Amino acid sequence: MYQPDASLTFDNAKTALHAGLQAIAGGQTEIDFAQVKTVDSSAVAVALAWQRAARASAASLAFRNLPENLRSLVALYDIEALIGIGNPHSAQPHH
């Protein structure tokens, strides 16, 4: 399962995007945000790109352990359904 670093912001969005796309292309169906502490709107764009890539290959993609600050941005942009937060299985912390 791919895990982004502690920060997912403009400074490293391109690197994280490519790493996540490679993971998805390799068959990964989950991305774990457990280590992510700092986000900006770039994290939302990256998550949307990952979902788009998964759907383009007819795969489902679940996000695990979304940090509250990322959830807040997703809610602000009203894109919960696009990210998968509307599905409790996708959004809840994985214990």
C-alpha atoms as a PDB file:
ATOM      1  CA  MET A   1       0.000   0.000   0.000  1.00  0.00           C
ATOM      2  CA  TYR A   2       1.394   3.385  -0.988  1.00  0.00           C
ATOM      3  CA  GLN A   3       1.925   5.873   1.850  1.00  0.00           C
ATOM      4  CA  PRO A   4       2.643   9.534   1.105  1.00  0.00           C
ATOM      5  CA  ASP A   5       5.213  11.302   3.280  1.00  0.00           C
ATOM      6  CA  ALA A   6       4.361  13.542   6.248  1.00  0.00           C
ATOM      7  CA  SER A   7       3.761  16.508   3.955  1.00  0.00           C
ATOM      8  CA  LEU A   8       1.644  16.594   0.813  1.00  0.00           C
ATOM      9  CA  THR A   9       1.869  20.176  -0.401  1.00  0.00           C
ATOM     10  CA  PHE A  10       2.809  22.113  -3.511  1.00  0.00           C
ATOM     11  CA  ASP A  11       6.488  21.501  -2.756  1.00  0.00           C
ATOM     12  CA  ASN A  12       6.250  17.729  -3.195  1.00  0.00           C
ATOM     13  CA  ALA A  13       2.929  17.201  -4.985  1.00  0.00           C
ATOM     14  CA  LYS A  14       4.517  16.204  -8.285  1.00  0.00           C
ATOM     15  CA  THR A  15       6.714  13.570  -6.638  1.00  0.00           C
ATOM     16  CA  ALA A  16       3.801  12.175  -4.608  1.00  0.00           C
ATOM     17  CA  LEU A  17       1.552  12.197  -7.679  1.00  0.00           C
ATOM     18  CA  HIS A  18       4.000  10.112  -9.699  1.00  0.00           C
ATOM     19  CA  ALA A  19       4.681   7.688  -6.837  1.00  0.00           C
ATOM     20  CA  GLY A  20       0.955   7.156  -6.308  1.00  0.00           C
ATOM     21  CA  LEU A  21       0.333   6.704 -10.035  1.00  0.00           C
ATOM     22  CA  GLN A  22       3.072   4.078 -10.164  1.00  0.00           C
ATOM     23  CA  ALA A  23       1.517   2.298  -7.188  1.00  0.00           C
ATOM     24  CA  ILE A  24      -1.904   2.329  -8.862  1.00  0.00           C
ATOM     25  CA  ALA A  25      -0.423   1.083 -12.137  1.00  0.00           C
ATOM     26  CA  GLY A  26       1.224  -1.693 -10.130  1.00  0.00           C
ATOM     27  CA  GLY A  27      -2.147  -2.841  -8.805  1.00  0.00           C
ATOM     28  CA  GLN A  28      -2.380  -0.974  -5.494  1.00  0.00           C
ATOM     29  CA  THR A  29      -5.982  -0.328  -4.462  1.00  0.00           C
ATOM     30  CA  GLU A  30      -5.345   1.618  -1.251  1.00  0.00           C
ATOM     31  CA  ILE A  31      -3.424   4.729  -0.330  1.00  0.00           C
ATOM     32  CA  ASP A  32      -2.711   5.231   3.362  1.00  0.00           C
ATOM     33  CA  PHE A  33      -2.434   8.802   4.621  1.00  0.00           C
ATOM     34  CA  ALA A  34      -1.461   7.771   8.173  1.00  0.00           C
ATOM     35  CA  GLN A  35       1.864   9.623   8.043  1.00  0.00           C
ATOM     36  CA  VAL A  36       0.497  12.769   6.365  1.00  0.00           C
ATOM     37  CA  LYS A  37       0.345  15.722   8.747  1.00  0.00           C
ATOM     38  CA  THR A  38       0.644  18.778   6.481  1.00  0.00           C
ATOM     39  CA  VAL A  39      -1.511  19.368   3.403  1.00  0.00           C
ATOM     40  CA  ASP A  40      -2.617  22.165   1.145  1.00  0.00           C
ATOM     41  CA  SER A  41      -4.944  22.237  -1.857  1.00  0.00           C
ATOM     42  CA  SER A  42      -2.304  20.354  -3.846  1.00  0.00           C
ATOM     43  CA  ALA A  43      -3.137  17.253  -1.793  1.00  0.00           C
ATOM     44  CA  VAL A  44      -6.730  17.474  -3.003  1.00  0.00           C
ATOM     45  CA  ALA A  45      -5.586  17.741  -6.621  1.00  0.00           C
ATOM     46  CA  VAL A  46      -3.261  14.765  -6.199  1.00  0.00           C
ATOM     47  CA  ALA A  47      -5.980  12.622  -4.592  1.00  0.00           C
ATOM     48  CA  LEU A  48      -8.349  13.497  -7.443  1.00  0.00           C
ATOM     49  CA  ALA A  49      -5.690  12.547 -10.009  1.00  0.00           C
ATOM     50  CA  TRP A  50      -5.130   9.222  -8.245  1.00  0.00           C
ATOM     51  CA  GLN A  51      -8.871   8.495  -8.262  1.00  0.00           C
ATOM     52  CA  ARG A  52      -9.099   9.459 -11.934  1.00  0.00           C
ATOM     53  CA  ALA A  53      -6.198   7.123 -12.807  1.00  0.00           C
ATOM     54  CA  ALA A  54      -7.736   4.243 -10.867  1.00  0.00           C
ATOM     55  CA  ARG A  55     -11.112   4.702 -12.520  1.00  0.00           C
ATOM     56  CA  ALA A  56      -9.488   4.951 -15.970  1.00  0.00           C
ATOM     57  CA  SER A  57      -8.061   1.478 -15.408  1.00  0.00           C
ATOM     58  CA  ALA A  58     -11.411   0.180 -14.071  1.00  0.00           C
ATOM     59  CA  ALA A  59      -9.999  -0.170 -10.549  1.00  0.00           C
ATOM     60  CA  SER A  60     -11.305   1.096  -7.249  1.00  0.00           C
ATOM     61  CA  LEU A  61      -9.092   3.127  -4.959  1.00  0.00           C
ATOM     62  CA  ALA A  62      -9.607   3.543  -1.223  1.00  0.00           C
ATOM     63  CA  PHE A  63      -7.991   6.231   0.877  1.00  0.00           C
ATOM     64  CA  ARG A  64      -7.133   5.225   4.433  1.00  0.00           C
ATOM     65  CA  ASN A  65      -6.479   7.409   7.480  1.00  0.00           C
ATOM     66  CA  LEU A  66      -7.294  10.722   5.827  1.00  0.00           C
ATOM     67  CA  PRO A  67      -6.073  13.523   8.091  1.00  0.00           C
ATOM     68  CA  GLU A  68      -8.692  15.946   9.338  1.00  0.00           C
ATOM     69  CA  ASN A  69      -7.083  18.887   7.535  1.00  0.00           C
ATOM     70  CA  LEU A  70      -7.420  17.059   4.206  1.00  0.00           C
ATOM     71  CA  ARG A  71     -11.013  16.084   5.006  1.00  0.00           C
ATOM     72  CA  SER A  72     -11.743  19.757   5.688  1.00  0.00           C
ATOM     73  CA  LEU A  73     -10.355  20.821   2.314  1.00  0.00           C
ATOM     74  CA  VAL A  74     -12.333  18.117   0.529  1.00  0.00           C
ATOM     75  CA  ALA A  75     -15.506  19.266   2.289  1.00  0.00           C
ATOM     76  CA  LEU A  76     -14.736  22.904   1.478  1.00  0.00           C
ATOM     77  CA  TYR A  77     -14.512  22.034  -2.224  1.00  0.00           C
ATOM     78  CA  ASP A  78     -17.624  19.807  -1.912  1.00  0.00           C
ATOM     79  CA  ILE A  79     -15.938  16.838  -3.593  1.00  0.00           C
ATOM     80  CA  GLU A  80     -16.418  14.137  -0.975  1.00  0.00           C
ATOM     81  CA  ALA A  81     -18.009  11.778  -3.513  1.00  0.00           C
ATOM     82  CA  LEU A  82     -15.169  12.251  -5.990  1.00  0.00           C
ATOM     83  CA  ILE A  83     -12.543  11.487  -3.351  1.00  0.00           C
ATOM     84  CA  GLY A  84     -14.537   8.650  -1.832  1.00  0.00           C
ATOM     85  CA  ILE A  85     -15.245  10.139   1.576  1.00  0.00           C
ATOM     86  CA  GLY A  86     -18.954   9.453   1.151  1.00  0.00           C
ATOM     87  CA  ASN A  87     -18.076   5.785   1.543  1.00  0.00           C
ATOM     88  CA  PRO A  88     -17.248   5.140   5.210  1.00  0.00           C
ATOM     89  CA  HIS A  89     -15.095   2.159   4.187  1.00  0.00           C
ATOM     90  CA  SER A  90     -12.862   4.487   2.180  1.00  0.00           C
ATOM     91  CA  ALA A  91     -12.576   7.318   4.657  1.00  0.00           C
ATOM     92  CA  GLN A  92     -12.397   5.797   8.111  1.00  0.00           C
ATOM     93  CA  PRO A  93      -9.099   5.086   9.816  1.00  0.00           C
ATOM     94  CA  HIS A  94      -7.996   1.510   9.270  1.00  0.00           C
ATOM     95  CA  HIS A  95      -7.381  -0.225  12.608  1.00  0.00           C
END
